[in-house]
Amino acid sequence: MNDSKIPAPTIMREGDRIVLQGPVTIDFVVKLTRQGIALFENPSVTVDLEGVTDVDSTIISMLLEWQRAAQKTKRSLQFIHLPENLKSLIQLYGVAELIPFSRDHTPESCIA
């Protein structure tokens, strides 16, 4: 259940990037998944995750769903500025090869 003390996340277009900020947890992931896909307008989509604060395993399903949506519409998709807690989940689940990260913004240890 959503704790009213935790601010809701925001997702918006800023120039040529989609910027996600705040918690990406089970309370918010369904809505964020839909909102994110709705912002996929350009042939090349960059999602900036620097502002993501809290995560749980549901963020992995969201990133994979965004990847599927981008592939369906023949868009390229990359994620930049991954927070450490997200990198840890990606390592734990062994999905680094499935989620397109910008090598310029992701340490070598996160690219399996």
N, C-alpha and C. Protein backbone atom coordinates (compact mmCIF):
# COMPACT_ATOMS: atom_id res chain seq x y z
N MET A 1 0.85 -1.18 0.00
CA MET A 1 0.00 0.00 0.00
C MET A 1 0.89 1.24 0.00
N ASN A 2 0.47 2.27 -0.70
CA ASN A 2 1.25 3.49 -0.83
C ASN A 2 1.29 4.25 0.48
N ASP A 3 2.48 4.48 1.01
CA ASP A 3 2.67 5.26 2.22
C ASP A 3 2.59 6.73 1.84
N SER A 4 1.68 7.46 2.43
CA SER A 4 1.47 8.86 2.05
C SER A 4 2.69 9.73 2.31
N LYS A 5 3.65 9.26 3.11
CA LYS A 5 4.87 10.03 3.37
C LYS A 5 5.87 9.92 2.22
N ILE A 6 5.71 8.92 1.37
CA ILE A 6 6.61 8.75 0.23
C ILE A 6 6.03 9.52 -0.95
N PRO A 7 6.82 10.46 -1.50
CA PRO A 7 6.30 11.22 -2.64
C PRO A 7 6.14 10.32 -3.86
N ALA A 8 5.13 10.59 -4.65
CA ALA A 8 4.91 9.82 -5.88
C ALA A 8 6.01 10.14 -6.88
N PRO A 9 6.38 9.16 -7.69
CA PRO A 9 7.40 9.41 -8.71
C PRO A 9 6.84 10.26 -9.84
N THR A 10 7.74 10.84 -10.61
CA THR A 10 7.35 11.60 -11.79
C THR A 10 8.11 11.08 -12.99
N ILE A 11 7.48 11.13 -14.12
CA ILE A 11 8.12 10.78 -15.39
C ILE A 11 7.71 11.82 -16.39
N MET A 12 8.69 12.38 -17.10
CA MET A 12 8.40 13.46 -18.04
C MET A 12 9.47 13.51 -19.13
N ARG A 13 9.11 14.15 -20.20
CA ARG A 13 10.06 14.38 -21.28
C ARG A 13 10.80 15.69 -20.98
N GLU A 14 12.12 15.62 -21.07
CA GLU A 14 12.96 16.81 -20.96
C GLU A 14 13.87 16.82 -22.16
N GLY A 15 13.53 17.61 -23.15
CA GLY A 15 14.30 17.63 -24.39
C GLY A 15 14.19 16.29 -25.08
N ASP A 16 15.33 15.66 -25.35
CA ASP A 16 15.31 14.38 -26.05
C ASP A 16 15.36 13.18 -25.10
N ARG A 17 15.23 13.43 -23.80
CA ARG A 17 15.27 12.36 -22.80
C ARG A 17 13.93 12.23 -22.09
N ILE A 18 13.72 11.03 -21.57
CA ILE A 18 12.63 10.79 -20.64
C ILE A 18 13.28 10.69 -19.26
N VAL A 19 12.81 11.48 -18.33
CA VAL A 19 13.42 11.56 -17.00
C VAL A 19 12.45 10.97 -15.98
N LEU A 20 12.96 10.00 -15.23
CA LEU A 20 12.19 9.34 -14.19
C LEU A 20 12.79 9.71 -12.84
N GLN A 21 11.94 10.15 -11.91
CA GLN A 21 12.41 10.55 -10.58
C GLN A 21 11.50 9.99 -9.51
N GLY A 22 12.10 9.64 -8.38
CA GLY A 22 11.33 9.15 -7.25
C GLY A 22 11.36 7.64 -7.14
N PRO A 23 10.47 7.09 -6.31
CA PRO A 23 10.47 5.65 -6.07
C PRO A 23 9.81 4.87 -7.22
N VAL A 24 10.44 3.77 -7.60
CA VAL A 24 9.84 2.87 -8.58
C VAL A 24 9.65 1.54 -7.86
N THR A 25 8.48 1.42 -7.28
CA THR A 25 8.15 0.24 -6.48
C THR A 25 6.79 -0.30 -6.91
N ILE A 26 6.39 -1.37 -6.31
CA ILE A 26 5.13 -2.03 -6.67
C ILE A 26 3.93 -1.07 -6.62
N ASP A 27 3.99 -0.07 -5.76
CA ASP A 27 2.88 0.89 -5.66
C ASP A 27 2.72 1.75 -6.90
N PHE A 28 3.80 1.93 -7.66
CA PHE A 28 3.79 2.89 -8.76
C PHE A 28 4.10 2.29 -10.13
N VAL A 29 4.59 1.07 -10.19
CA VAL A 29 5.18 0.56 -11.43
C VAL A 29 4.19 0.40 -12.58
N VAL A 30 2.96 0.02 -12.33
CA VAL A 30 2.00 -0.14 -13.43
C VAL A 30 1.74 1.20 -14.11
N LYS A 31 1.49 2.21 -13.31
CA LYS A 31 1.23 3.55 -13.86
C LYS A 31 2.46 4.09 -14.59
N LEU A 32 3.66 3.92 -14.00
CA LEU A 32 4.89 4.40 -14.62
C LEU A 32 5.17 3.68 -15.94
N THR A 33 4.87 2.40 -15.99
CA THR A 33 5.09 1.64 -17.22
C THR A 33 4.26 2.24 -18.35
N ARG A 34 2.99 2.46 -18.11
CA ARG A 34 2.11 3.06 -19.14
C ARG A 34 2.54 4.47 -19.50
N GLN A 35 2.84 5.28 -18.50
CA GLN A 35 3.24 6.67 -18.76
C GLN A 35 4.53 6.73 -19.57
N GLY A 36 5.47 5.86 -19.23
CA GLY A 36 6.74 5.84 -19.95
C GLY A 36 6.56 5.50 -21.42
N ILE A 37 5.80 4.44 -21.69
CA ILE A 37 5.56 4.03 -23.08
C ILE A 37 4.88 5.14 -23.86
N ALA A 38 3.98 5.87 -23.23
CA ALA A 38 3.29 6.98 -23.90
C ALA A 38 4.26 8.08 -24.32
N LEU A 39 5.42 8.16 -23.69
CA LEU A 39 6.41 9.18 -24.02
C LEU A 39 7.38 8.74 -25.11
N PHE A 40 7.28 7.51 -25.58
CA PHE A 40 8.16 7.00 -26.63
C PHE A 40 7.74 7.60 -27.97
N GLU A 41 8.27 8.76 -28.29
CA GLU A 41 7.90 9.44 -29.53
C GLU A 41 9.00 9.40 -30.57
N ASN A 42 10.23 9.52 -30.15
CA ASN A 42 11.36 9.59 -31.07
C ASN A 42 11.81 8.19 -31.48
N PRO A 43 12.50 8.09 -32.62
CA PRO A 43 13.04 6.78 -33.04
C PRO A 43 14.07 6.23 -32.06
N SER A 44 14.75 7.13 -31.37
CA SER A 44 15.74 6.74 -30.37
C SER A 44 15.30 7.32 -29.02
N VAL A 45 15.13 6.45 -28.03
CA VAL A 45 14.62 6.86 -26.73
C VAL A 45 15.71 6.67 -25.68
N THR A 46 15.98 7.72 -24.92
CA THR A 46 16.92 7.65 -23.80
C THR A 46 16.16 7.94 -22.52
N VAL A 47 16.27 7.02 -21.57
CA VAL A 47 15.60 7.17 -20.28
C VAL A 47 16.66 7.44 -19.22
N ASP A 48 16.55 8.58 -18.57
CA ASP A 48 17.49 8.99 -17.52
C ASP A 48 16.93 8.55 -16.17
N LEU A 49 17.65 7.68 -15.49
CA LEU A 49 17.20 7.11 -14.22
C LEU A 49 17.93 7.69 -13.01
N GLU A 50 18.66 8.78 -13.21
CA GLU A 50 19.46 9.35 -12.12
C GLU A 50 18.62 9.72 -10.90
N GLY A 51 17.40 10.18 -11.12
CA GLY A 51 16.56 10.64 -10.02
C GLY A 51 15.77 9.54 -9.32
N VAL A 52 15.95 8.29 -9.74
CA VAL A 52 15.22 7.19 -9.10
C VAL A 52 15.79 6.99 -7.70
N THR A 53 14.91 6.95 -6.73
CA THR A 53 15.35 6.84 -5.33
C THR A 53 15.23 5.42 -4.80
N ASP A 54 14.03 4.94 -4.65
CA ASP A 54 13.81 3.60 -4.12
C ASP A 54 13.38 2.67 -5.24
N VAL A 55 13.84 1.41 -5.18
CA VAL A 55 13.44 0.42 -6.17
C VAL A 55 13.12 -0.89 -5.48
N ASP A 56 12.30 -1.68 -6.14
CA ASP A 56 12.14 -3.08 -5.77
C ASP A 56 12.19 -3.87 -7.07
N SER A 57 11.98 -5.14 -7.01
CA SER A 57 12.17 -5.98 -8.19
C SER A 57 11.20 -5.64 -9.33
N THR A 58 10.13 -4.92 -9.04
CA THR A 58 9.18 -4.59 -10.10
C THR A 58 9.78 -3.64 -11.14
N ILE A 59 10.82 -2.91 -10.79
CA ILE A 59 11.45 -2.02 -11.78
C ILE A 59 12.05 -2.82 -12.93
N ILE A 60 12.52 -4.03 -12.64
CA ILE A 60 13.08 -4.88 -13.69
C ILE A 60 12.00 -5.20 -14.72
N SER A 61 10.82 -5.57 -14.26
CA SER A 61 9.73 -5.88 -15.20
C SER A 61 9.34 -4.64 -16.00
N MET A 62 9.38 -3.46 -15.39
CA MET A 62 9.05 -2.24 -16.10
C MET A 62 10.08 -1.97 -17.21
N LEU A 63 11.35 -2.08 -16.90
CA LEU A 63 12.39 -1.83 -17.90
C LEU A 63 12.28 -2.82 -19.05
N LEU A 64 12.00 -4.08 -18.73
CA LEU A 64 11.84 -5.09 -19.78
C LEU A 64 10.59 -4.82 -20.63
N GLU A 65 9.52 -4.37 -20.01
CA GLU A 65 8.31 -4.04 -20.76
C GLU A 65 8.56 -2.84 -21.67
N TRP A 66 9.31 -1.85 -21.19
CA TRP A 66 9.67 -0.72 -22.04
C TRP A 66 10.50 -1.19 -23.22
N GLN A 67 11.40 -2.12 -22.98
CA GLN A 67 12.23 -2.66 -24.06
C GLN A 67 11.35 -3.36 -25.10
N ARG A 68 10.40 -4.16 -24.66
CA ARG A 68 9.48 -4.84 -25.59
C ARG A 68 8.67 -3.81 -26.39
N ALA A 69 8.18 -2.78 -25.73
CA ALA A 69 7.40 -1.75 -26.42
C ALA A 69 8.24 -1.01 -27.45
N ALA A 70 9.48 -0.72 -27.12
CA ALA A 70 10.37 -0.05 -28.07
C ALA A 70 10.64 -0.95 -29.28
N GLN A 71 10.88 -2.22 -29.04
CA GLN A 71 11.13 -3.15 -30.14
C GLN A 71 9.91 -3.27 -31.05
N LYS A 72 8.71 -3.33 -30.46
CA LYS A 72 7.48 -3.44 -31.26
C LYS A 72 7.32 -2.27 -32.21
N THR A 73 7.74 -1.09 -31.77
CA THR A 73 7.58 0.11 -32.59
C THR A 73 8.88 0.51 -33.29
N LYS A 74 9.83 -0.43 -33.30
CA LYS A 74 11.11 -0.24 -34.01
C LYS A 74 11.87 0.99 -33.53
N ARG A 75 11.86 1.19 -32.22
CA ARG A 75 12.63 2.28 -31.62
C ARG A 75 13.84 1.70 -30.91
N SER A 76 14.90 2.48 -30.86
CA SER A 76 16.04 2.07 -30.03
C SER A 76 15.81 2.68 -28.64
N LEU A 77 16.27 1.97 -27.63
CA LEU A 77 16.05 2.40 -26.25
C LEU A 77 17.32 2.18 -25.46
N GLN A 78 17.68 3.17 -24.66
CA GLN A 78 18.80 3.00 -23.75
C GLN A 78 18.49 3.69 -22.43
N PHE A 79 19.10 3.17 -21.37
CA PHE A 79 18.94 3.72 -20.04
C PHE A 79 20.27 4.31 -19.61
N ILE A 80 20.22 5.49 -18.98
CA ILE A 80 21.43 6.14 -18.50
C ILE A 80 21.28 6.50 -17.03
N HIS A 81 22.42 6.72 -16.38
CA HIS A 81 22.48 7.18 -14.99
C HIS A 81 21.75 6.24 -14.02
N LEU A 82 22.08 4.98 -14.08
CA LEU A 82 21.43 4.01 -13.20
C LEU A 82 21.90 4.19 -11.76
N PRO A 83 20.98 4.27 -10.82
CA PRO A 83 21.38 4.36 -9.41
C PRO A 83 21.94 3.00 -8.94
N GLU A 84 22.75 3.04 -7.90
CA GLU A 84 23.41 1.83 -7.40
C GLU A 84 22.43 0.74 -7.00
N ASN A 85 21.30 1.13 -6.39
CA ASN A 85 20.34 0.10 -5.96
C ASN A 85 19.74 -0.63 -7.16
N LEU A 86 19.57 0.05 -8.27
CA LEU A 86 19.08 -0.60 -9.48
C LEU A 86 20.16 -1.49 -10.09
N LYS A 87 21.38 -1.02 -10.11
CA LYS A 87 22.49 -1.85 -10.62
C LYS A 87 22.58 -3.16 -9.83
N SER A 88 22.39 -3.07 -8.54
CA SER A 88 22.44 -4.28 -7.70
C SER A 88 21.34 -5.27 -8.08
N LEU A 89 20.13 -4.77 -8.31
CA LEU A 89 19.03 -5.66 -8.71
C LEU A 89 19.31 -6.30 -10.07
N ILE A 90 19.84 -5.53 -10.99
CA ILE A 90 20.14 -6.05 -12.32
C ILE A 90 21.18 -7.17 -12.22
N GLN A 91 22.18 -6.96 -11.38
CA GLN A 91 23.19 -8.00 -11.16
C GLN A 91 22.56 -9.23 -10.53
N LEU A 92 21.74 -9.02 -9.51
CA LEU A 92 21.10 -10.11 -8.79
C LEU A 92 20.26 -10.99 -9.72
N TYR A 93 19.49 -10.36 -10.60
CA TYR A 93 18.61 -11.09 -11.49
C TYR A 93 19.30 -11.54 -12.78
N GLY A 94 20.53 -11.10 -13.01
CA GLY A 94 21.28 -11.53 -14.19
C GLY A 94 20.67 -11.08 -15.50
N VAL A 95 20.17 -9.85 -15.55
CA VAL A 95 19.49 -9.37 -16.75
C VAL A 95 20.23 -8.23 -17.46
N ALA A 96 21.48 -8.02 -17.14
CA ALA A 96 22.22 -6.91 -17.74
C ALA A 96 22.25 -7.00 -19.27
N GLU A 97 22.30 -8.21 -19.80
CA GLU A 97 22.34 -8.37 -21.26
C GLU A 97 20.99 -8.10 -21.91
N LEU A 98 19.92 -8.05 -21.13
CA LEU A 98 18.58 -7.82 -21.68
C LEU A 98 18.15 -6.36 -21.62
N ILE A 99 18.84 -5.58 -20.81
CA ILE A 99 18.44 -4.19 -20.59
C ILE A 99 19.53 -3.29 -21.19
N PRO A 100 19.17 -2.46 -22.18
CA PRO A 100 20.16 -1.66 -22.92
C PRO A 100 20.66 -0.44 -22.15
N PHE A 101 21.87 -0.54 -21.66
CA PHE A 101 22.49 0.56 -20.92
C PHE A 101 23.46 1.29 -21.80
N SER A 102 23.59 2.57 -21.57
CA SER A 102 24.63 3.34 -22.23
C SER A 102 25.95 3.02 -21.54
N ARG A 103 26.91 2.55 -22.30
CA ARG A 103 28.22 2.20 -21.73
C ARG A 103 28.91 3.45 -21.16
N ASP A 104 28.55 4.61 -21.66
CA ASP A 104 29.16 5.85 -21.16
C ASP A 104 28.71 6.17 -19.74
N HIS A 105 27.58 5.60 -19.33
CA HIS A 105 27.02 5.95 -18.03
C HIS A 105 26.94 4.77 -17.07
N THR A 106 27.43 3.60 -17.49
CA THR A 106 27.31 2.42 -16.67
C THR A 106 28.68 1.80 -16.47
N PRO A 107 29.08 1.56 -15.23
CA PRO A 107 30.38 0.96 -15.00
C PRO A 107 30.48 -0.43 -15.62
N GLU A 108 31.67 -0.82 -16.01
CA GLU A 108 31.91 -2.13 -16.62
C GLU A 108 31.36 -3.26 -15.77
N SER A 109 31.40 -3.13 -14.45
CA SER A 109 30.94 -4.21 -13.59
C SER A 109 29.46 -4.50 -13.75
N CYS A 110 28.70 -3.56 -14.30
CA CYS A 110 27.26 -3.77 -14.45
C CYS A 110 26.92 -4.39 -15.80
N ILE A 111 27.88 -4.45 -16.69
CA ILE A 111 27.64 -5.03 -18.00
C ILE A 111 28.19 -6.44 -17.98
N ALA A 112 27.30 -7.40 -17.82
CA ALA A 112 27.73 -8.80 -17.69
C ALA A 112 27.95 -9.40 -19.05
